[in-house]
Amino acid sequence: METFGQEALISLLSHVFFITVTWWTLQAVRLEVIFKPNRIVQARVFYILITIAIGSLVSNFFLDYLRWSRQLPFLL
């Protein structure tokens, strides 16, 4: 049971970290030129959704890689 708790903590921290990094990175991209004028709320919601989607994908990749590397010793 202790390993489930550790994996949950690592997963939470990983998701928060990669979502934060994604948000920081997307601030350098001028996505507001895509939106119609006076659509500030929609643009912000889009930024949030894109940030969560990309951050979660990267975090899942990292967590899968970590899990697979831990399972390699069972190959032999």
N, C-alpha and C. Protein backbone atom coordinates (compact mmCIF):
# COMPACT_ATOMS: atom_id res chain seq x y z
N MET A 1 0.81 -1.19 0.00
CA MET A 1 0.00 0.00 0.00
C MET A 1 0.86 1.26 0.00
N GLU A 2 2.03 1.16 0.60
CA GLU A 2 2.90 2.31 0.67
C GLU A 2 3.37 2.74 -0.72
N THR A 3 3.61 1.77 -1.60
CA THR A 3 4.05 2.11 -2.95
C THR A 3 2.96 2.82 -3.74
N PHE A 4 1.69 2.48 -3.48
CA PHE A 4 0.59 3.18 -4.16
C PHE A 4 0.57 4.65 -3.75
N GLY A 5 0.82 4.90 -2.48
CA GLY A 5 0.87 6.28 -1.99
C GLY A 5 2.03 7.04 -2.60
N GLN A 6 3.16 6.40 -2.71
CA GLN A 6 4.33 7.05 -3.31
C GLN A 6 4.09 7.35 -4.78
N GLU A 7 3.52 6.38 -5.50
CA GLU A 7 3.22 6.60 -6.92
C GLU A 7 2.20 7.71 -7.10
N ALA A 8 1.21 7.78 -6.22
CA ALA A 8 0.21 8.85 -6.30
C ALA A 8 0.85 10.21 -6.07
N LEU A 9 1.74 10.30 -5.10
CA LEU A 9 2.42 11.57 -4.83
C LEU A 9 3.30 11.98 -6.00
N ILE A 10 4.05 11.03 -6.55
CA ILE A 10 4.91 11.32 -7.70
C ILE A 10 4.05 11.76 -8.89
N SER A 11 2.92 11.12 -9.12
CA SER A 11 2.05 11.48 -10.23
C SER A 11 1.48 12.88 -10.05
N LEU A 12 1.02 13.20 -8.85
CA LEU A 12 0.49 14.54 -8.60
C LEU A 12 1.55 15.61 -8.81
N LEU A 13 2.72 15.39 -8.25
CA LEU A 13 3.79 16.37 -8.40
C LEU A 13 4.23 16.51 -9.85
N SER A 14 4.28 15.40 -10.56
CA SER A 14 4.67 15.43 -11.97
C SER A 14 3.66 16.23 -12.80
N HIS A 15 2.38 15.96 -12.58
CA HIS A 15 1.36 16.69 -13.34
C HIS A 15 1.41 18.19 -13.04
N VAL A 16 1.51 18.54 -11.77
CA VAL A 16 1.57 19.96 -11.42
C VAL A 16 2.82 20.61 -12.01
N PHE A 17 3.96 19.93 -11.94
CA PHE A 17 5.20 20.48 -12.48
C PHE A 17 5.10 20.70 -13.99
N PHE A 18 4.64 19.69 -14.73
CA PHE A 18 4.61 19.82 -16.18
C PHE A 18 3.51 20.77 -16.65
N ILE A 19 2.42 20.86 -15.93
CA ILE A 19 1.40 21.85 -16.28
C ILE A 19 1.94 23.26 -16.05
N THR A 20 2.69 23.45 -14.97
CA THR A 20 3.30 24.76 -14.70
C THR A 20 4.32 25.12 -15.77
N VAL A 21 5.15 24.17 -16.15
CA VAL A 21 6.15 24.42 -17.19
C VAL A 21 5.47 24.72 -18.53
N THR A 22 4.40 24.01 -18.82
CA THR A 22 3.67 24.25 -20.06
C THR A 22 3.05 25.64 -20.07
N TRP A 23 2.46 26.04 -18.95
CA TRP A 23 1.87 27.39 -18.85
C TRP A 23 2.94 28.45 -19.07
N TRP A 24 4.10 28.27 -18.43
CA TRP A 24 5.20 29.22 -18.58
C TRP A 24 5.66 29.29 -20.04
N THR A 25 5.73 28.12 -20.69
CA THR A 25 6.18 28.07 -22.07
C THR A 25 5.17 28.71 -23.01
N LEU A 26 3.90 28.48 -22.79
CA LEU A 26 2.87 29.04 -23.67
C LEU A 26 2.76 30.56 -23.56
N GLN A 27 3.30 31.13 -22.50
CA GLN A 27 3.28 32.58 -22.38
C GLN A 27 4.14 33.26 -23.45
N ALA A 28 5.07 32.52 -24.04
CA ALA A 28 5.93 33.07 -25.08
C ALA A 28 5.27 33.02 -26.46
N VAL A 29 4.14 32.31 -26.57
CA VAL A 29 3.46 32.15 -27.85
C VAL A 29 2.31 33.16 -27.93
N ARG A 30 2.19 33.84 -29.05
CA ARG A 30 1.13 34.83 -29.22
C ARG A 30 -0.11 34.19 -29.82
N LEU A 31 -0.82 33.45 -29.02
CA LEU A 31 -2.03 32.80 -29.48
C LEU A 31 -3.22 33.76 -29.58
N GLU A 32 -3.11 34.94 -28.95
CA GLU A 32 -4.23 35.87 -28.96
C GLU A 32 -4.54 36.43 -30.35
N VAL A 33 -3.58 36.31 -31.28
CA VAL A 33 -3.85 36.79 -32.64
C VAL A 33 -4.83 35.87 -33.36
N ILE A 34 -5.03 34.67 -32.85
CA ILE A 34 -5.98 33.72 -33.45
C ILE A 34 -7.41 34.08 -33.10
N PHE A 35 -7.61 34.69 -31.94
CA PHE A 35 -8.96 34.95 -31.44
C PHE A 35 -9.53 36.26 -31.98
N LYS A 36 -10.84 36.30 -32.03
CA LYS A 36 -11.54 37.51 -32.43
C LYS A 36 -11.35 38.57 -31.35
N PRO A 37 -11.46 39.84 -31.73
CA PRO A 37 -11.33 40.91 -30.73
C PRO A 37 -12.41 40.78 -29.65
N ASN A 38 -12.07 41.20 -28.44
CA ASN A 38 -12.97 41.21 -27.29
C ASN A 38 -13.42 39.81 -26.87
N ARG A 39 -12.63 38.80 -27.11
CA ARG A 39 -12.91 37.43 -26.68
C ARG A 39 -11.87 37.01 -25.65
N ILE A 40 -11.70 37.83 -24.64
CA ILE A 40 -10.65 37.61 -23.64
C ILE A 40 -10.93 36.37 -22.81
N VAL A 41 -12.17 36.18 -22.39
CA VAL A 41 -12.50 35.03 -21.56
C VAL A 41 -12.27 33.73 -22.32
N GLN A 42 -12.72 33.68 -23.57
CA GLN A 42 -12.52 32.47 -24.36
C GLN A 42 -11.03 32.19 -24.57
N ALA A 43 -10.24 33.23 -24.79
CA ALA A 43 -8.80 33.05 -24.98
C ALA A 43 -8.15 32.48 -23.72
N ARG A 44 -8.56 32.99 -22.55
CA ARG A 44 -7.98 32.50 -21.30
C ARG A 44 -8.38 31.05 -21.04
N VAL A 45 -9.63 30.71 -21.30
CA VAL A 45 -10.06 29.33 -21.13
C VAL A 45 -9.30 28.41 -22.08
N PHE A 46 -9.08 28.88 -23.32
CA PHE A 46 -8.31 28.10 -24.29
C PHE A 46 -6.89 27.87 -23.78
N TYR A 47 -6.24 28.92 -23.26
CA TYR A 47 -4.90 28.78 -22.70
C TYR A 47 -4.88 27.73 -21.58
N ILE A 48 -5.87 27.77 -20.71
CA ILE A 48 -5.93 26.83 -19.58
C ILE A 48 -6.11 25.41 -20.09
N LEU A 49 -7.04 25.21 -21.03
CA LEU A 49 -7.30 23.87 -21.54
C LEU A 49 -6.10 23.32 -22.31
N ILE A 50 -5.48 24.14 -23.12
CA ILE A 50 -4.29 23.71 -23.88
C ILE A 50 -3.15 23.38 -22.92
N THR A 51 -3.00 24.19 -21.87
CA THR A 51 -1.96 23.94 -20.88
C THR A 51 -2.16 22.61 -20.17
N ILE A 52 -3.40 22.34 -19.76
CA ILE A 52 -3.69 21.09 -19.07
C ILE A 52 -3.47 19.90 -20.01
N ALA A 53 -3.91 20.03 -21.25
CA ALA A 53 -3.77 18.92 -22.20
C ALA A 53 -2.30 18.60 -22.48
N ILE A 54 -1.52 19.60 -22.80
CA ILE A 54 -0.11 19.37 -23.12
C ILE A 54 0.66 18.92 -21.88
N GLY A 55 0.43 19.58 -20.74
CA GLY A 55 1.12 19.22 -19.51
C GLY A 55 0.81 17.80 -19.08
N SER A 56 -0.45 17.39 -19.21
CA SER A 56 -0.83 16.02 -18.84
C SER A 56 -0.19 15.00 -19.78
N LEU A 57 -0.16 15.30 -21.07
CA LEU A 57 0.48 14.38 -22.01
C LEU A 57 1.96 14.19 -21.70
N VAL A 58 2.65 15.28 -21.44
CA VAL A 58 4.08 15.19 -21.13
C VAL A 58 4.30 14.47 -19.80
N SER A 59 3.46 14.77 -18.82
CA SER A 59 3.58 14.11 -17.52
C SER A 59 3.31 12.61 -17.64
N ASN A 60 2.30 12.22 -18.41
CA ASN A 60 2.01 10.80 -18.60
C ASN A 60 3.16 10.09 -19.30
N PHE A 61 3.78 10.76 -20.27
CA PHE A 61 4.96 10.18 -20.93
C PHE A 61 6.08 9.97 -19.91
N PHE A 62 6.34 10.97 -19.10
CA PHE A 62 7.38 10.87 -18.08
C PHE A 62 7.08 9.75 -17.10
N LEU A 63 5.83 9.67 -16.63
CA LEU A 63 5.47 8.63 -15.67
C LEU A 63 5.52 7.24 -16.28
N ASP A 64 5.10 7.10 -17.54
CA ASP A 64 5.21 5.80 -18.22
C ASP A 64 6.66 5.38 -18.36
N TYR A 65 7.51 6.32 -18.75
CA TYR A 65 8.94 6.03 -18.90
C TYR A 65 9.54 5.59 -17.56
N LEU A 66 9.16 6.28 -16.48
CA LEU A 66 9.63 5.93 -15.16
C LEU A 66 9.16 4.54 -14.75
N ARG A 67 7.89 4.24 -15.00
CA ARG A 67 7.33 2.93 -14.65
C ARG A 67 8.01 1.83 -15.45
N TRP A 68 8.21 2.06 -16.74
CA TRP A 68 8.83 1.04 -17.58
C TRP A 68 10.27 0.81 -17.18
N SER A 69 10.98 1.86 -16.81
CA SER A 69 12.38 1.69 -16.40
C SER A 69 12.47 0.90 -15.09
N ARG A 70 11.47 1.03 -14.23
CA ARG A 70 11.45 0.23 -13.00
C ARG A 70 11.12 -1.23 -13.27
N GLN A 71 10.44 -1.52 -14.37
CA GLN A 71 10.05 -2.90 -14.70
C GLN A 71 11.13 -3.62 -15.49
N LEU A 72 12.14 -2.94 -15.98
CA LEU A 72 13.19 -3.58 -16.76
C LEU A 72 13.92 -4.71 -16.03
N PRO A 73 14.18 -4.59 -14.73
CA PRO A 73 14.86 -5.71 -14.05
C PRO A 73 14.08 -7.02 -14.10
N PHE A 74 12.77 -6.96 -14.28
CA PHE A 74 11.98 -8.17 -14.35
C PHE A 74 12.13 -8.89 -15.70
N LEU A 75 12.81 -8.27 -16.63
CA LEU A 75 13.04 -8.87 -17.94
C LEU A 75 13.98 -10.06 -17.83
N LEU A 76 14.92 -9.97 -16.96
CA LEU A 76 15.94 -11.02 -16.81
C LEU A 76 15.63 -11.97 -15.69
